[in-house]
Amino acid sequence: MSENQKTISELALELGWAMSEMKSRLRQKIQACVSEYDPNLSVELIEILGLLSRNDGINQQEIANKVSKDKSSITYLINSLVKRDLVERVAYKNDRRNNQIFLTSKGKKIVEKVYPWALELYTKAVDDLDKEDISQALLLVKKMTANLDKPGYKST
């Protein structure tokens, strides 16, 4: 490996660590805010509610893909949300084994309460950045993600 490639690899690794640290801090702060509202709600549950607020009616597999969790973990989380009357399952007419997941009015109220907190937190995270910096960072992360999806990389 040439020195230039090693430097790029090391920078990529450092960037990955920094993104992981930022995600961890965001999750901690979101959990603290959510706990004030309802101590029994986890970040994972809020993440699914937020996803459904933008994609109401998607199925459990789509939820699993978008939040990077396996199907059994999503089933457990969805069951928890159903028990709390925050979402409902509706079986597809042509395939009763496949369920669409919808927010209930109670679930929508929680999203309406928590969403402003999350927006405020993300706004604080980008406080001294301009829109172009944020757009460039987003483009960079999307390119890196696409690179990992290219054939030739071993998946874990």
N, C-alpha and C. Protein backbone atom coordinates (compact mmCIF):
# COMPACT_ATOMS: atom_id res chain seq x y z
N MET A 1 0.86 -1.18 0.00
CA MET A 1 0.00 0.00 0.00
C MET A 1 0.90 1.24 0.00
N SER A 2 0.65 2.14 -0.92
CA SER A 2 1.46 3.36 -0.99
C SER A 2 1.12 4.29 0.18
N GLU A 3 2.04 5.22 0.44
CA GLU A 3 1.84 6.16 1.55
C GLU A 3 0.56 6.98 1.36
N ASN A 4 0.27 7.37 0.10
CA ASN A 4 -0.94 8.15 -0.18
C ASN A 4 -2.20 7.33 0.13
N GLN A 5 -2.21 6.06 -0.26
CA GLN A 5 -3.37 5.21 0.03
C GLN A 5 -3.52 5.00 1.53
N LYS A 6 -2.39 4.80 2.21
CA LYS A 6 -2.44 4.60 3.66
C LYS A 6 -3.03 5.84 4.34
N THR A 7 -2.63 6.99 3.90
CA THR A 7 -3.15 8.22 4.47
C THR A 7 -4.65 8.34 4.23
N ILE A 8 -5.09 8.01 3.03
CA ILE A 8 -6.52 8.04 2.73
C ILE A 8 -7.26 7.04 3.60
N SER A 9 -6.71 5.84 3.74
CA SER A 9 -7.33 4.82 4.58
C SER A 9 -7.43 5.27 6.03
N GLU A 10 -6.35 5.85 6.53
CA GLU A 10 -6.35 6.32 7.91
C GLU A 10 -7.34 7.46 8.11
N LEU A 11 -7.41 8.36 7.14
CA LEU A 11 -8.40 9.45 7.23
C LEU A 11 -9.82 8.90 7.17
N ALA A 12 -10.04 7.92 6.30
CA ALA A 12 -11.37 7.31 6.20
C ALA A 12 -11.75 6.64 7.52
N LEU A 13 -10.79 5.97 8.14
CA LEU A 13 -11.04 5.33 9.43
C LEU A 13 -11.37 6.37 10.49
N GLU A 14 -10.61 7.45 10.52
CA GLU A 14 -10.87 8.53 11.49
C GLU A 14 -12.24 9.16 11.25
N LEU A 15 -12.60 9.35 9.98
CA LEU A 15 -13.92 9.88 9.65
C LEU A 15 -15.02 8.94 10.14
N GLY A 16 -14.83 7.65 9.94
CA GLY A 16 -15.80 6.67 10.43
C GLY A 16 -15.97 6.74 11.94
N TRP A 17 -14.86 6.86 12.65
CA TRP A 17 -14.92 6.98 14.11
C TRP A 17 -15.65 8.26 14.52
N ALA A 18 -15.35 9.34 13.83
CA ALA A 18 -15.99 10.62 14.16
C ALA A 18 -17.50 10.56 13.91
N MET A 19 -17.91 9.92 12.81
CA MET A 19 -19.34 9.79 12.53
C MET A 19 -20.01 8.92 13.58
N SER A 20 -19.34 7.86 13.99
CA SER A 20 -19.87 6.98 15.02
C SER A 20 -20.02 7.72 16.35
N GLU A 21 -19.02 8.52 16.71
CA GLU A 21 -19.07 9.30 17.95
C GLU A 21 -20.21 10.32 17.91
N MET A 22 -20.37 10.98 16.76
CA MET A 22 -21.46 11.95 16.64
C MET A 22 -22.82 11.26 16.79
N LYS A 23 -22.98 10.11 16.15
CA LYS A 23 -24.25 9.38 16.25
C LYS A 23 -24.50 8.97 17.69
N SER A 24 -23.47 8.52 18.37
CA SER A 24 -23.61 8.11 19.76
C SER A 24 -24.03 9.28 20.65
N ARG A 25 -23.40 10.43 20.46
CA ARG A 25 -23.76 11.62 21.25
C ARG A 25 -25.19 12.08 20.96
N LEU A 26 -25.57 12.06 19.68
CA LEU A 26 -26.94 12.44 19.32
C LEU A 26 -27.94 11.51 19.98
N ARG A 27 -27.67 10.20 19.94
CA ARG A 27 -28.58 9.23 20.55
C ARG A 27 -28.71 9.46 22.05
N GLN A 28 -27.58 9.74 22.72
CA GLN A 28 -27.61 10.00 24.16
C GLN A 28 -28.47 11.22 24.48
N LYS A 29 -28.28 12.27 23.72
CA LYS A 29 -29.03 13.51 23.97
C LYS A 29 -30.51 13.35 23.63
N ILE A 30 -30.79 12.64 22.53
CA ILE A 30 -32.20 12.39 22.19
C ILE A 30 -32.84 11.54 23.27
N GLN A 31 -32.13 10.52 23.76
CA GLN A 31 -32.68 9.67 24.82
C GLN A 31 -32.98 10.49 26.07
N ALA A 32 -32.09 11.43 26.41
CA ALA A 32 -32.32 12.27 27.59
C ALA A 32 -33.59 13.11 27.41
N CYS A 33 -33.78 13.68 26.22
CA CYS A 33 -34.98 14.48 25.96
C CYS A 33 -36.24 13.61 25.98
N VAL A 34 -36.15 12.45 25.35
CA VAL A 34 -37.30 11.54 25.28
C VAL A 34 -37.67 11.05 26.68
N SER A 35 -36.67 10.78 27.50
CA SER A 35 -36.92 10.28 28.86
C SER A 35 -37.68 11.29 29.71
N GLU A 36 -37.48 12.58 29.44
CA GLU A 36 -38.25 13.61 30.14
C GLU A 36 -39.72 13.50 29.78
N TYR A 37 -39.98 13.16 28.53
CA TYR A 37 -41.36 13.06 28.06
C TYR A 37 -41.98 11.73 28.48
N ASP A 38 -41.26 10.63 28.25
CA ASP A 38 -41.73 9.29 28.60
C ASP A 38 -40.52 8.41 28.86
N PRO A 39 -40.24 8.09 30.13
CA PRO A 39 -39.04 7.30 30.45
C PRO A 39 -39.05 5.89 29.87
N ASN A 40 -40.20 5.42 29.40
CA ASN A 40 -40.29 4.08 28.84
C ASN A 40 -40.04 4.01 27.34
N LEU A 41 -39.81 5.16 26.71
CA LEU A 41 -39.53 5.17 25.27
C LEU A 41 -38.03 5.17 25.04
N SER A 42 -37.59 4.31 24.14
CA SER A 42 -36.16 4.25 23.80
C SER A 42 -35.91 5.00 22.50
N VAL A 43 -34.65 5.28 22.24
CA VAL A 43 -34.27 5.92 20.99
C VAL A 43 -34.69 5.05 19.81
N GLU A 44 -34.55 3.72 19.95
CA GLU A 44 -34.93 2.81 18.87
C GLU A 44 -36.41 2.95 18.52
N LEU A 45 -37.26 3.05 19.55
CA LEU A 45 -38.70 3.20 19.31
C LEU A 45 -38.99 4.54 18.65
N ILE A 46 -38.34 5.59 19.13
CA ILE A 46 -38.52 6.93 18.55
C ILE A 46 -38.05 6.95 17.11
N GLU A 47 -36.95 6.25 16.85
CA GLU A 47 -36.42 6.19 15.48
C GLU A 47 -37.45 5.58 14.52
N ILE A 48 -38.12 4.53 14.96
CA ILE A 48 -39.14 3.90 14.13
C ILE A 48 -40.34 4.82 13.96
N LEU A 49 -40.77 5.47 15.04
CA LEU A 49 -41.89 6.42 14.93
C LEU A 49 -41.55 7.54 13.95
N GLY A 50 -40.34 8.06 14.05
CA GLY A 50 -39.91 9.12 13.13
C GLY A 50 -39.89 8.65 11.69
N LEU A 51 -39.40 7.44 11.47
CA LEU A 51 -39.38 6.86 10.13
C LEU A 51 -40.80 6.72 9.58
N LEU A 52 -41.71 6.24 10.42
CA LEU A 52 -43.10 6.08 9.98
C LEU A 52 -43.77 7.43 9.72
N SER A 53 -43.35 8.46 10.42
CA SER A 53 -43.95 9.78 10.18
C SER A 53 -43.62 10.28 8.78
N ARG A 54 -42.52 9.78 8.22
CA ARG A 54 -42.12 10.16 6.86
C ARG A 54 -42.50 9.11 5.83
N ASN A 55 -42.77 7.87 6.28
CA ASN A 55 -43.06 6.75 5.38
C ASN A 55 -44.15 5.86 5.96
N ASP A 56 -45.27 6.44 6.34
CA ASP A 56 -46.34 5.67 6.98
C ASP A 56 -46.80 4.55 6.05
N GLY A 57 -46.96 3.36 6.61
CA GLY A 57 -47.47 2.25 5.83
C GLY A 57 -46.41 1.36 5.22
N ILE A 58 -45.13 1.62 5.50
CA ILE A 58 -44.11 0.71 4.98
C ILE A 58 -44.14 -0.59 5.77
N ASN A 59 -43.55 -1.64 5.21
CA ASN A 59 -43.60 -2.92 5.91
C ASN A 59 -42.41 -3.10 6.85
N GLN A 60 -42.46 -4.17 7.63
CA GLN A 60 -41.44 -4.38 8.65
C GLN A 60 -40.05 -4.56 8.04
N GLN A 61 -39.96 -5.22 6.89
CA GLN A 61 -38.66 -5.41 6.26
C GLN A 61 -38.06 -4.08 5.82
N GLU A 62 -38.90 -3.19 5.29
CA GLU A 62 -38.42 -1.86 4.90
C GLU A 62 -37.93 -1.08 6.12
N ILE A 63 -38.65 -1.21 7.23
CA ILE A 63 -38.22 -0.56 8.47
C ILE A 63 -36.86 -1.12 8.89
N ALA A 64 -36.73 -2.45 8.87
CA ALA A 64 -35.47 -3.09 9.25
C ALA A 64 -34.31 -2.58 8.39
N ASN A 65 -34.54 -2.47 7.09
CA ASN A 65 -33.50 -1.99 6.18
C ASN A 65 -33.11 -0.55 6.48
N LYS A 66 -34.10 0.30 6.74
CA LYS A 66 -33.82 1.72 6.93
C LYS A 66 -33.15 2.03 8.27
N VAL A 67 -33.43 1.23 9.30
CA VAL A 67 -32.81 1.48 10.60
C VAL A 67 -31.67 0.50 10.90
N SER A 68 -31.31 -0.31 9.91
CA SER A 68 -30.18 -1.24 10.01
C SER A 68 -30.29 -2.18 11.21
N LYS A 69 -31.45 -2.81 11.32
CA LYS A 69 -31.65 -3.82 12.36
C LYS A 69 -32.19 -5.08 11.69
N ASP A 70 -31.96 -6.23 12.34
CA ASP A 70 -32.47 -7.47 11.76
C ASP A 70 -33.98 -7.58 11.99
N LYS A 71 -34.58 -8.49 11.23
CA LYS A 71 -36.04 -8.60 11.23
C LYS A 71 -36.59 -8.97 12.61
N SER A 72 -35.89 -9.84 13.35
CA SER A 72 -36.41 -10.23 14.66
C SER A 72 -36.36 -9.07 15.65
N SER A 73 -35.33 -8.23 15.57
CA SER A 73 -35.27 -7.04 16.44
C SER A 73 -36.41 -6.08 16.11
N ILE A 74 -36.67 -5.91 14.81
CA ILE A 74 -37.76 -5.02 14.39
C ILE A 74 -39.10 -5.57 14.86
N THR A 75 -39.29 -6.89 14.77
CA THR A 75 -40.54 -7.49 15.24
C THR A 75 -40.75 -7.19 16.72
N TYR A 76 -39.70 -7.33 17.52
CA TYR A 76 -39.77 -7.03 18.95
C TYR A 76 -40.14 -5.56 19.18
N LEU A 77 -39.48 -4.65 18.47
CA LEU A 77 -39.74 -3.22 18.63
C LEU A 77 -41.15 -2.86 18.17
N ILE A 78 -41.59 -3.42 17.04
CA ILE A 78 -42.95 -3.15 16.55
C ILE A 78 -43.97 -3.69 17.54
N ASN A 79 -43.74 -4.89 18.09
CA ASN A 79 -44.66 -5.43 19.10
C ASN A 79 -44.78 -4.48 20.28
N SER A 80 -43.67 -3.91 20.71
CA SER A 80 -43.68 -2.95 21.81
C SER A 80 -44.50 -1.71 21.46
N LEU A 81 -44.34 -1.22 20.23
CA LEU A 81 -45.10 -0.04 19.79
C LEU A 81 -46.58 -0.35 19.67
N VAL A 82 -46.92 -1.56 19.21
CA VAL A 82 -48.33 -1.96 19.09
C VAL A 82 -48.96 -2.03 20.49
N LYS A 83 -48.26 -2.63 21.45
CA LYS A 83 -48.77 -2.74 22.82
C LYS A 83 -49.03 -1.37 23.44
N ARG A 84 -48.24 -0.39 23.05
CA ARG A 84 -48.41 0.97 23.58
C ARG A 84 -49.41 1.79 22.76
N ASP A 85 -50.00 1.16 21.76
CA ASP A 85 -50.97 1.81 20.87
C ASP A 85 -50.35 3.00 20.12
N LEU A 86 -49.07 2.85 19.74
CA LEU A 86 -48.39 3.91 18.99
C LEU A 86 -48.36 3.61 17.49
N VAL A 87 -48.46 2.33 17.14
CA VAL A 87 -48.56 1.92 15.74
C VAL A 87 -49.57 0.79 15.64
N GLU A 88 -50.01 0.54 14.40
CA GLU A 88 -50.86 -0.62 14.16
C GLU A 88 -50.35 -1.36 12.94
N ARG A 89 -50.54 -2.68 12.98
CA ARG A 89 -50.19 -3.53 11.84
C ARG A 89 -51.44 -3.74 11.01
N VAL A 90 -51.27 -3.65 9.70
CA VAL A 90 -52.37 -3.94 8.78
C VAL A 90 -51.83 -4.92 7.74
N ALA A 91 -52.45 -6.10 7.66
CA ALA A 91 -51.99 -7.12 6.72
C ALA A 91 -52.31 -6.69 5.29
N TYR A 92 -51.38 -6.95 4.38
CA TYR A 92 -51.64 -6.72 2.95
C TYR A 92 -52.78 -7.64 2.53
N LYS A 93 -53.62 -7.16 1.63
CA LYS A 93 -54.75 -7.97 1.17
C LYS A 93 -54.29 -9.24 0.46
N ASN A 94 -53.25 -9.12 -0.36
CA ASN A 94 -52.79 -10.26 -1.16
C ASN A 94 -51.80 -11.16 -0.44
N ASP A 95 -51.25 -10.71 0.67
CA ASP A 95 -50.25 -11.48 1.40
C ASP A 95 -50.39 -11.18 2.89
N ARG A 96 -51.16 -12.00 3.57
CA ARG A 96 -51.48 -11.75 4.97
C ARG A 96 -50.26 -11.93 5.89
N ARG A 97 -49.17 -12.51 5.37
CA ARG A 97 -47.96 -12.66 6.18
C ARG A 97 -47.16 -11.36 6.21
N ASN A 98 -47.47 -10.46 5.29
CA ASN A 98 -46.74 -9.20 5.17
C ASN A 98 -47.59 -8.07 5.74
N ASN A 99 -47.05 -7.33 6.67
CA ASN A 99 -47.80 -6.27 7.34
C ASN A 99 -47.28 -4.89 7.01
N GLN A 100 -48.21 -3.97 6.80
CA GLN A 100 -47.87 -2.55 6.73
C GLN A 100 -47.97 -2.01 8.15
N ILE A 101 -47.12 -1.05 8.47
CA ILE A 101 -47.11 -0.46 9.81
C ILE A 101 -47.51 1.01 9.69
N PHE A 102 -48.51 1.40 10.47
CA PHE A 102 -49.03 2.76 10.45
C PHE A 102 -48.97 3.38 11.84
N LEU A 103 -48.69 4.67 11.89
CA LEU A 103 -48.76 5.41 13.14
C LEU A 103 -50.22 5.55 13.57
N THR A 104 -50.47 5.43 14.86
CA THR A 104 -51.79 5.74 15.40
C THR A 104 -51.80 7.23 15.75
N SER A 105 -52.94 7.74 16.15
CA SER A 105 -52.99 9.16 16.54
C SER A 105 -52.10 9.40 17.76
N LYS A 106 -52.03 8.44 18.66
CA LYS A 106 -51.15 8.55 19.83
C LYS A 106 -49.68 8.59 19.40
N GLY A 107 -49.32 7.77 18.43
CA GLY A 107 -47.96 7.76 17.90
C GLY A 107 -47.62 9.08 17.22
N LYS A 108 -48.59 9.63 16.48
CA LYS A 108 -48.37 10.92 15.81
C LYS A 108 -48.15 12.03 16.82
N LYS A 109 -48.85 11.98 17.95
CA LYS A 109 -48.68 13.00 18.99
C LYS A 109 -47.27 12.97 19.58
N ILE A 110 -46.75 11.77 19.77
CA ILE A 110 -45.38 11.66 20.30
C ILE A 110 -44.38 12.23 19.30
N VAL A 111 -44.56 11.90 18.02
CA VAL A 111 -43.66 12.44 16.99
C VAL A 111 -43.74 13.96 16.98
N GLU A 112 -44.95 14.52 17.07
CA GLU A 112 -45.11 15.98 17.08
C GLU A 112 -44.42 16.62 18.28
N LYS A 113 -44.34 15.89 19.38
CA LYS A 113 -43.68 16.40 20.58
C LYS A 113 -42.16 16.28 20.48
N VAL A 114 -41.67 15.15 20.01
CA VAL A 114 -40.23 14.86 20.01
C VAL A 114 -39.52 15.47 18.82
N TYR A 115 -40.17 15.57 17.67
CA TYR A 115 -39.53 16.06 16.45
C TYR A 115 -38.89 17.44 16.63
N PRO A 116 -39.57 18.41 17.25
CA PRO A 116 -38.92 19.71 17.46
C PRO A 116 -37.64 19.61 18.32
N TRP A 117 -37.64 18.72 19.31
CA TRP A 117 -36.44 18.53 20.12
C TRP A 117 -35.29 18.02 19.25
N ALA A 118 -35.59 17.03 18.41
CA ALA A 118 -34.56 16.46 17.54
C ALA A 118 -34.03 17.51 16.57
N LEU A 119 -34.94 18.29 15.99
CA LEU A 119 -34.51 19.35 15.06
C LEU A 119 -33.60 20.36 15.76
N GLU A 120 -33.96 20.72 16.96
CA GLU A 120 -33.15 21.67 17.73
C GLU A 120 -31.76 21.09 18.00
N LEU A 121 -31.71 19.82 18.32
CA LEU A 121 -30.43 19.16 18.58
C LEU A 121 -29.56 19.12 17.33
N TYR A 122 -30.15 18.76 16.20
CA TYR A 122 -29.39 18.73 14.94
C TYR A 122 -28.96 20.13 14.53
N THR A 123 -29.80 21.12 14.79
CA THR A 123 -29.44 22.51 14.49
C THR A 123 -28.23 22.92 15.33
N LYS A 124 -28.22 22.51 16.60
CA LYS A 124 -27.08 22.81 17.46
C LYS A 124 -25.81 22.13 16.94
N ALA A 125 -25.95 20.91 16.44
CA ALA A 125 -24.79 20.17 15.94
C ALA A 125 -24.13 20.86 14.75
N VAL A 126 -24.90 21.59 13.96
CA VAL A 126 -24.35 22.25 12.76
C VAL A 126 -24.26 23.76 12.96
N ASP A 127 -24.23 24.19 14.21
CA ASP A 127 -24.30 25.60 14.56
C ASP A 127 -23.34 26.50 13.79
N ASP A 128 -22.09 26.11 13.66
CA ASP A 128 -21.12 26.99 13.00
C ASP A 128 -20.78 26.54 11.58
N LEU A 129 -21.65 25.76 10.98
CA LEU A 129 -21.45 25.31 9.60
C LEU A 129 -22.44 26.02 8.69
N ASP A 130 -22.03 26.24 7.45
CA ASP A 130 -22.99 26.81 6.51
C ASP A 130 -23.63 25.68 5.71
N LYS A 131 -24.65 26.03 4.97
CA LYS A 131 -25.43 25.05 4.22
C LYS A 131 -24.56 24.26 3.24
N GLU A 132 -23.61 24.93 2.62
CA GLU A 132 -22.72 24.26 1.66
C GLU A 132 -21.86 23.20 2.35
N ASP A 133 -21.34 23.52 3.55
CA ASP A 133 -20.56 22.53 4.31
C ASP A 133 -21.39 21.28 4.59
N ILE A 134 -22.62 21.50 5.02
CA ILE A 134 -23.51 20.38 5.35
C ILE A 134 -23.83 19.57 4.10
N SER A 135 -24.12 20.25 2.99
CA SER A 135 -24.41 19.55 1.73
C SER A 135 -23.22 18.72 1.27
N GLN A 136 -22.02 19.27 1.39
CA GLN A 136 -20.80 18.55 0.99
C GLN A 136 -20.58 17.32 1.88
N ALA A 137 -20.79 17.48 3.19
CA ALA A 137 -20.63 16.35 4.11
C ALA A 137 -21.64 15.25 3.79
N LEU A 138 -22.87 15.64 3.52
CA LEU A 138 -23.90 14.67 3.18
C LEU A 138 -23.54 13.92 1.90
N LEU A 139 -23.09 14.65 0.90
CA LEU A 139 -22.69 14.03 -0.37
C LEU A 139 -21.53 13.05 -0.14
N LEU A 140 -20.57 13.44 0.67
CA LEU A 140 -19.43 12.59 0.97
C LEU A 140 -19.86 11.29 1.63
N VAL A 141 -20.71 11.37 2.63
CA VAL A 141 -21.16 10.17 3.34
C VAL A 141 -21.97 9.28 2.40
N LYS A 142 -22.81 9.87 1.56
CA LYS A 142 -23.58 9.07 0.61
C LYS A 142 -22.67 8.36 -0.39
N LYS A 143 -21.62 9.03 -0.85
CA LYS A 143 -20.66 8.40 -1.77
C LYS A 143 -19.94 7.24 -1.08
N MET A 144 -19.53 7.45 0.16
CA MET A 144 -18.84 6.39 0.90
C MET A 144 -19.77 5.19 1.08
N THR A 145 -21.03 5.44 1.40
CA THR A 145 -21.99 4.36 1.56
C THR A 145 -22.19 3.61 0.25
N ALA A 146 -22.31 4.34 -0.85
CA ALA A 146 -22.46 3.71 -2.17
C ALA A 146 -21.23 2.88 -2.51
N ASN A 147 -20.05 3.36 -2.17
CA ASN A 147 -18.82 2.59 -2.42
C ASN A 147 -18.85 1.26 -1.69
N LEU A 148 -19.37 1.25 -0.49
CA LEU A 148 -19.44 0.01 0.28
C LEU A 148 -20.46 -0.97 -0.29
N ASP A 149 -21.40 -0.47 -1.06
CA ASP A 149 -22.41 -1.33 -1.69
C ASP A 149 -21.96 -1.90 -3.03
N LYS A 150 -20.80 -1.45 -3.52
CA LYS A 150 -20.29 -1.95 -4.80
C LYS A 150 -19.84 -3.40 -4.66
N PRO A 151 -19.96 -4.17 -5.75
CA PRO A 151 -19.47 -5.56 -5.71
C PRO A 151 -17.98 -5.59 -5.40
N GLY A 152 -17.56 -6.63 -4.73
CA GLY A 152 -16.15 -6.78 -4.43
C GLY A 152 -15.81 -6.57 -2.97
N TYR A 153 -16.72 -6.00 -2.21
CA TYR A 153 -16.50 -5.85 -0.77
C TYR A 153 -17.18 -6.99 -0.06
N LYS A 154 -16.49 -7.56 0.90
CA LYS A 154 -17.11 -8.63 1.69
C LYS A 154 -18.10 -8.00 2.64
N SER A 155 -19.27 -8.61 2.73
CA SER A 155 -20.25 -8.12 3.71
C SER A 155 -20.11 -8.95 4.97
N THR A 156 -20.39 -8.32 6.08
CA THR A 156 -20.24 -9.02 7.36
C THR A 156 -21.55 -9.52 7.86
